[in-house]
Amino acid sequence: MSKTTTARARMEPELKEEAERILRDCGLTASQAIGLFYRQVVLGRGMPFPIRSFNEETRRVLRQSEEGIDVQQFESAEALFEDLGI
């Protein structure tokens, strides 16, 4: 058996609980998931997913959307496309 070491991280309890619930559904422990993440970092020589930074306008629009400000809803994709003129 290979030697192991410990990695520690601090996070919000709710985030940890929700993530571990999802991982259990996938048949993984938190340690296994962290090991997979680390392997992907090593294999890809960086983060295994894109990291994006939003500008102020994008952050404003996202906040408004979450608050339901200036949000339009459509009955179907076709109605949306018609409204967009495509």
C-alpha atoms as a PDB file:
ATOM      1  CA  MET A   1       0.000   0.000   0.000  1.00  0.00           C
ATOM      2  CA  SER A   2       1.264   3.478  -0.829  1.00  0.00           C
ATOM      3  CA  LYS A   3       1.880   6.143   1.758  1.00  0.00           C
ATOM      4  CA  THR A   4      -0.720   8.883   2.140  1.00  0.00           C
ATOM      5  CA  THR A   5      -0.757  12.423   3.431  1.00  0.00           C
ATOM      6  CA  THR A   6      -3.462  14.768   4.637  1.00  0.00           C
ATOM      7  CA  ALA A   7      -4.879  17.804   2.853  1.00  0.00           C
ATOM      8  CA  ARG A   8      -7.012  20.178   4.923  1.00  0.00           C
ATOM      9  CA  ALA A   9      -9.432  22.840   3.753  1.00  0.00           C
ATOM     10  CA  ARG A  10     -11.843  25.203   5.466  1.00  0.00           C
ATOM     11  CA  MET A  11     -15.281  25.812   3.930  1.00  0.00           C
ATOM     12  CA  GLU A  12     -18.851  26.586   4.809  1.00  0.00           C
ATOM     13  CA  PRO A  13     -20.568  23.609   6.482  1.00  0.00           C
ATOM     14  CA  GLU A  14     -23.542  23.794   4.099  1.00  0.00           C
ATOM     15  CA  LEU A  15     -21.257  23.566   1.049  1.00  0.00           C
ATOM     16  CA  LYS A  16     -19.438  20.573   2.523  1.00  0.00           C
ATOM     17  CA  GLU A  17     -22.677  18.755   3.388  1.00  0.00           C
ATOM     18  CA  GLU A  18     -24.260  19.318  -0.031  1.00  0.00           C
ATOM     19  CA  ALA A  19     -21.116  18.338  -1.922  1.00  0.00           C
ATOM     20  CA  GLU A  20     -20.625  15.192   0.172  1.00  0.00           C
ATOM     21  CA  ARG A  21     -24.268  14.206  -0.389  1.00  0.00           C
ATOM     22  CA  ILE A  22     -23.764  14.490  -4.159  1.00  0.00           C
ATOM     23  CA  LEU A  23     -20.451  12.615  -3.971  1.00  0.00           C
ATOM     24  CA  ARG A  24     -22.108   9.778  -2.019  1.00  0.00           C
ATOM     25  CA  ASP A  25     -24.700   9.524  -4.791  1.00  0.00           C
ATOM     26  CA  CYS A  26     -21.774   9.127  -7.199  1.00  0.00           C
ATOM     27  CA  GLY A  27     -20.243   6.434  -5.001  1.00  0.00           C
ATOM     28  CA  LEU A  28     -17.305   8.595  -3.912  1.00  0.00           C
ATOM     29  CA  THR A  29     -15.938   9.697  -0.567  1.00  0.00           C
ATOM     30  CA  ALA A  30     -14.677  13.245  -0.096  1.00  0.00           C
ATOM     31  CA  SER A  31     -11.114  11.882  -0.008  1.00  0.00           C
ATOM     32  CA  GLN A  32     -11.599  10.056  -3.306  1.00  0.00           C
ATOM     33  CA  ALA A  33     -13.093  13.149  -4.945  1.00  0.00           C
ATOM     34  CA  ILE A  34     -10.250  15.357  -3.729  1.00  0.00           C
ATOM     35  CA  GLY A  35      -7.747  12.781  -5.011  1.00  0.00           C
ATOM     36  CA  LEU A  36      -9.477  12.820  -8.428  1.00  0.00           C
ATOM     37  CA  PHE A  37      -9.369  16.607  -8.473  1.00  0.00           C
ATOM     38  CA  TYR A  38      -5.648  16.641  -7.641  1.00  0.00           C
ATOM     39  CA  ARG A  39      -4.942  14.028 -10.346  1.00  0.00           C
ATOM     40  CA  GLN A  40      -6.738  16.167 -12.939  1.00  0.00           C
ATOM     41  CA  VAL A  41      -4.752  19.232 -11.848  1.00  0.00           C
ATOM     42  CA  VAL A  42      -1.518  17.274 -12.329  1.00  0.00           C
ATOM     43  CA  LEU A  43      -2.562  15.674 -15.643  1.00  0.00           C
ATOM     44  CA  GLY A  44      -3.787  18.962 -17.104  1.00  0.00           C
ATOM     45  CA  ARG A  45      -1.056  21.072 -15.519  1.00  0.00           C
ATOM     46  CA  GLY A  46      -3.712  23.475 -14.184  1.00  0.00           C
ATOM     47  CA  MET A  47      -7.304  23.755 -13.098  1.00  0.00           C
ATOM     48  CA  PRO A  48      -9.521  21.040 -14.628  1.00  0.00           C
ATOM     49  CA  PHE A  49     -12.221  23.614 -15.446  1.00  0.00           C
ATOM     50  CA  PRO A  50     -12.237  27.193 -16.716  1.00  0.00           C
ATOM     51  CA  ILE A  51     -11.908  29.986 -14.174  1.00  0.00           C
ATOM     52  CA  ARG A  52     -13.715  33.150 -15.193  1.00  0.00           C
ATOM     53  CA  SER A  53     -13.873  36.606 -13.736  1.00  0.00           C
ATOM     54  CA  PHE A  54     -16.995  38.666 -14.387  1.00  0.00           C
ATOM     55  CA  ASN A  55     -16.837  42.388 -15.065  1.00  0.00           C
ATOM     56  CA  GLU A  56     -19.032  44.800 -13.097  1.00  0.00           C
ATOM     57  CA  GLU A  57     -21.805  44.887 -15.716  1.00  0.00           C
ATOM     58  CA  THR A  58     -22.047  41.079 -15.769  1.00  0.00           C
ATOM     59  CA  ARG A  59     -22.127  40.955 -11.948  1.00  0.00           C
ATOM     60  CA  ARG A  60     -24.911  43.592 -11.953  1.00  0.00           C
ATOM     61  CA  VAL A  61     -26.989  41.669 -14.491  1.00  0.00           C
ATOM     62  CA  LEU A  62     -26.504  38.395 -12.584  1.00  0.00           C
ATOM     63  CA  ARG A  63     -27.611  40.084  -9.337  1.00  0.00           C
ATOM     64  CA  GLN A  64     -30.683  41.536 -11.055  1.00  0.00           C
ATOM     65  CA  SER A  65     -31.513  38.159 -12.547  1.00  0.00           C
ATOM     66  CA  GLU A  66     -31.274  36.449  -9.157  1.00  0.00           C
ATOM     67  CA  GLU A  67     -33.591  39.127  -7.729  1.00  0.00           C
ATOM     68  CA  GLY A  68     -36.040  38.790 -10.633  1.00  0.00           C
ATOM     69  CA  ILE A  69     -35.453  42.347 -11.880  1.00  0.00           C
ATOM     70  CA  ASP A  70     -36.062  42.863 -15.638  1.00  0.00           C
ATOM     71  CA  VAL A  71     -36.450  39.121 -16.204  1.00  0.00           C
ATOM     72  CA  GLN A  72     -38.498  37.964 -19.178  1.00  0.00           C
ATOM     73  CA  GLN A  73     -40.027  34.511 -19.344  1.00  0.00           C
ATOM     74  CA  PHE A  74     -41.278  32.713 -22.425  1.00  0.00           C
ATOM     75  CA  GLU A  75     -43.702  29.842 -22.867  1.00  0.00           C
ATOM     76  CA  SER A  76     -41.366  28.063 -25.275  1.00  0.00           C
ATOM     77  CA  ALA A  77     -38.040  28.287 -27.057  1.00  0.00           C
ATOM     78  CA  GLU A  78     -39.924  29.244 -30.200  1.00  0.00           C
ATOM     79  CA  ALA A  79     -41.495  32.233 -28.433  1.00  0.00           C
ATOM     80  CA  LEU A  80     -38.053  33.319 -27.233  1.00  0.00           C
ATOM     81  CA  PHE A  81     -36.587  33.011 -30.726  1.00  0.00           C
ATOM     82  CA  GLU A  82     -39.507  34.966 -32.174  1.00  0.00           C
ATOM     83  CA  ASP A  83     -38.962  37.746 -29.624  1.00  0.00           C
ATOM     84  CA  LEU A  84     -35.265  37.814 -30.546  1.00  0.00           C
ATOM     85  CA  GLY A  85     -36.118  37.891 -34.238  1.00  0.00           C
ATOM     86  CA  ILE A  86     -34.278  34.678 -35.064  1.00  0.00           C
END
